[in-house]
Amino acid sequence: MALTKHYLKEYKRGIYSGLLLSGELKKHLLMIQEQAEERFDLLVQQMAEREAGRMVS
């Protein structure tokens, strides 16, 4: 979450300020974190499936 906050603060200042002022910053950061974790889990699952397929062949 800290990395996303830093990125917004450094490179997307307008978005960061808008989210901060509207009180939506934490909600936005948590949503991004959740999406990143879901994508990571999917990638790990796909890699495991591919590796299992190699072992069978």
N, C-alpha and C. Protein backbone atom coordinates (compact mmCIF):
# COMPACT_ATOMS: atom_id res chain seq x y z
N MET A 1 0.83 -1.19 0.00
CA MET A 1 0.00 0.00 0.00
C MET A 1 0.88 1.25 0.00
N ALA A 2 1.99 1.19 0.69
CA ALA A 2 2.88 2.35 0.76
C ALA A 2 3.45 2.70 -0.60
N LEU A 3 3.76 1.67 -1.40
CA LEU A 3 4.31 1.91 -2.73
C LEU A 3 3.31 2.64 -3.62
N THR A 4 2.05 2.20 -3.57
CA THR A 4 1.01 2.85 -4.37
C THR A 4 0.81 4.29 -3.92
N LYS A 5 0.80 4.51 -2.63
CA LYS A 5 0.63 5.87 -2.09
C LYS A 5 1.79 6.76 -2.55
N HIS A 6 2.99 6.22 -2.46
CA HIS A 6 4.17 6.98 -2.89
C HIS A 6 4.09 7.32 -4.37
N TYR A 7 3.70 6.33 -5.19
CA TYR A 7 3.57 6.56 -6.63
C TYR A 7 2.56 7.67 -6.92
N LEU A 8 1.40 7.59 -6.29
CA LEU A 8 0.39 8.63 -6.51
C LEU A 8 0.90 10.00 -6.07
N LYS A 9 1.52 10.03 -4.92
CA LYS A 9 2.01 11.30 -4.36
C LYS A 9 3.09 11.92 -5.25
N GLU A 10 3.97 11.09 -5.80
CA GLU A 10 5.08 11.59 -6.61
C GLU A 10 4.71 11.85 -8.06
N TYR A 11 3.89 10.98 -8.66
CA TYR A 11 3.68 11.04 -10.11
C TYR A 11 2.26 11.39 -10.54
N LYS A 12 1.32 11.29 -9.64
CA LYS A 12 -0.08 11.60 -9.94
C LYS A 12 -0.63 12.51 -8.85
N ARG A 13 0.00 13.65 -8.69
CA ARG A 13 -0.32 14.54 -7.58
C ARG A 13 -1.77 15.00 -7.56
N GLY A 14 -2.33 15.23 -8.74
CA GLY A 14 -3.73 15.67 -8.80
C GLY A 14 -4.67 14.59 -8.29
N ILE A 15 -4.44 13.37 -8.70
CA ILE A 15 -5.27 12.25 -8.24
C ILE A 15 -5.08 12.04 -6.74
N TYR A 16 -3.83 12.08 -6.31
CA TYR A 16 -3.52 11.92 -4.88
C TYR A 16 -4.23 12.98 -4.05
N SER A 17 -4.11 14.23 -4.46
CA SER A 17 -4.74 15.32 -3.72
C SER A 17 -6.26 15.18 -3.69
N GLY A 18 -6.84 14.83 -4.83
CA GLY A 18 -8.28 14.66 -4.89
C GLY A 18 -8.77 13.56 -3.97
N LEU A 19 -8.07 12.42 -3.99
CA LEU A 19 -8.46 11.32 -3.11
C LEU A 19 -8.26 11.67 -1.64
N LEU A 20 -7.18 12.35 -1.35
CA LEU A 20 -6.89 12.75 0.03
C LEU A 20 -7.95 13.73 0.55
N LEU A 21 -8.25 14.73 -0.26
CA LEU A 21 -9.22 15.74 0.17
C LEU A 21 -10.64 15.19 0.27
N SER A 22 -10.96 14.20 -0.56
CA SER A 22 -12.31 13.63 -0.53
C SER A 22 -12.45 12.54 0.54
N GLY A 23 -11.34 12.17 1.17
CA GLY A 23 -11.38 11.12 2.18
C GLY A 23 -11.41 9.72 1.58
N GLU A 24 -11.13 9.60 0.30
CA GLU A 24 -11.21 8.32 -0.39
C GLU A 24 -9.84 7.66 -0.60
N LEU A 25 -8.77 8.27 -0.14
CA LEU A 25 -7.43 7.75 -0.40
C LEU A 25 -7.24 6.35 0.17
N LYS A 26 -7.58 6.15 1.43
CA LYS A 26 -7.38 4.84 2.06
C LYS A 26 -8.23 3.78 1.35
N LYS A 27 -9.47 4.10 1.03
CA LYS A 27 -10.35 3.16 0.34
C LYS A 27 -9.74 2.78 -1.02
N HIS A 28 -9.24 3.76 -1.74
CA HIS A 28 -8.64 3.52 -3.05
C HIS A 28 -7.40 2.63 -2.91
N LEU A 29 -6.54 2.93 -1.95
CA LEU A 29 -5.32 2.15 -1.75
C LEU A 29 -5.63 0.71 -1.37
N LEU A 30 -6.65 0.51 -0.54
CA LEU A 30 -7.04 -0.84 -0.16
C LEU A 30 -7.60 -1.62 -1.35
N MET A 31 -8.34 -0.95 -2.21
CA MET A 31 -8.89 -1.58 -3.40
C MET A 31 -7.77 -2.01 -4.34
N ILE A 32 -6.78 -1.14 -4.53
CA ILE A 32 -5.64 -1.46 -5.39
C ILE A 32 -4.85 -2.63 -4.80
N GLN A 33 -4.66 -2.64 -3.49
CA GLN A 33 -3.95 -3.73 -2.82
C GLN A 33 -4.69 -5.06 -3.04
N GLU A 34 -6.00 -5.05 -2.89
CA GLU A 34 -6.80 -6.25 -3.07
C GLU A 34 -6.69 -6.77 -4.51
N GLN A 35 -6.76 -5.87 -5.47
CA GLN A 35 -6.64 -6.27 -6.87
C GLN A 35 -5.26 -6.86 -7.15
N ALA A 36 -4.22 -6.27 -6.59
CA ALA A 36 -2.86 -6.77 -6.79
C ALA A 36 -2.72 -8.17 -6.20
N GLU A 37 -3.28 -8.39 -5.02
CA GLU A 37 -3.20 -9.71 -4.39
C GLU A 37 -3.96 -10.76 -5.21
N GLU A 38 -5.12 -10.39 -5.74
CA GLU A 38 -5.89 -11.32 -6.57
C GLU A 38 -5.11 -11.69 -7.84
N ARG A 39 -4.50 -10.71 -8.47
CA ARG A 39 -3.71 -10.98 -9.68
C ARG A 39 -2.51 -11.86 -9.36
N PHE A 40 -1.85 -11.58 -8.24
CA PHE A 40 -0.71 -12.39 -7.82
C PHE A 40 -1.13 -13.84 -7.60
N ASP A 41 -2.23 -14.04 -6.88
CA ASP A 41 -2.72 -15.39 -6.62
C ASP A 41 -3.03 -16.11 -7.92
N LEU A 42 -3.64 -15.42 -8.88
CA LEU A 42 -3.95 -16.02 -10.17
C LEU A 42 -2.69 -16.42 -10.92
N LEU A 43 -1.70 -15.55 -10.91
CA LEU A 43 -0.43 -15.86 -11.58
C LEU A 43 0.26 -17.06 -10.95
N VAL A 44 0.26 -17.13 -9.64
CA VAL A 44 0.88 -18.27 -8.95
C VAL A 44 0.14 -19.55 -9.31
N GLN A 45 -1.18 -19.49 -9.34
CA GLN A 45 -1.98 -20.67 -9.71
C GLN A 45 -1.67 -21.10 -11.14
N GLN A 46 -1.61 -20.16 -12.05
CA GLN A 46 -1.30 -20.48 -13.45
C GLN A 46 0.10 -21.08 -13.60
N MET A 47 1.05 -20.53 -12.89
CA MET A 47 2.41 -21.06 -12.95
C MET A 47 2.46 -22.48 -12.39
N ALA A 48 1.74 -22.74 -11.31
CA ALA A 48 1.71 -24.07 -10.72
C ALA A 48 1.08 -25.07 -11.68
N GLU A 49 0.03 -24.65 -12.35
CA GLU A 49 -0.62 -25.54 -13.33
C GLU A 49 0.31 -25.85 -14.50
N ARG A 50 1.02 -24.87 -14.98
CA ARG A 50 1.97 -25.09 -16.07
C ARG A 50 3.10 -26.02 -15.64
N GLU A 51 3.59 -25.80 -14.44
CA GLU A 51 4.68 -26.63 -13.93
C GLU A 51 4.20 -28.08 -13.75
N ALA A 52 2.98 -28.25 -13.27
CA ALA A 52 2.42 -29.59 -13.10
C ALA A 52 2.29 -30.27 -14.47
N GLY A 53 1.93 -29.52 -15.49
CA GLY A 53 1.82 -30.06 -16.84
C GLY A 53 3.16 -30.50 -17.39
N ARG A 54 4.22 -29.81 -17.05
CA ARG A 54 5.56 -30.18 -17.51
C ARG A 54 6.03 -31.47 -16.86
N MET A 55 5.65 -31.66 -15.59
CA MET A 55 6.09 -32.84 -14.87
C MET A 55 5.41 -34.10 -15.42
N VAL A 56 4.20 -33.96 -15.92
CA VAL A 56 3.46 -35.10 -16.44
C VAL A 56 3.98 -35.49 -17.82
N SER A 57 4.38 -34.53 -18.62
CA SER A 57 4.81 -34.78 -20.01
C SER A 57 6.09 -35.55 -20.10
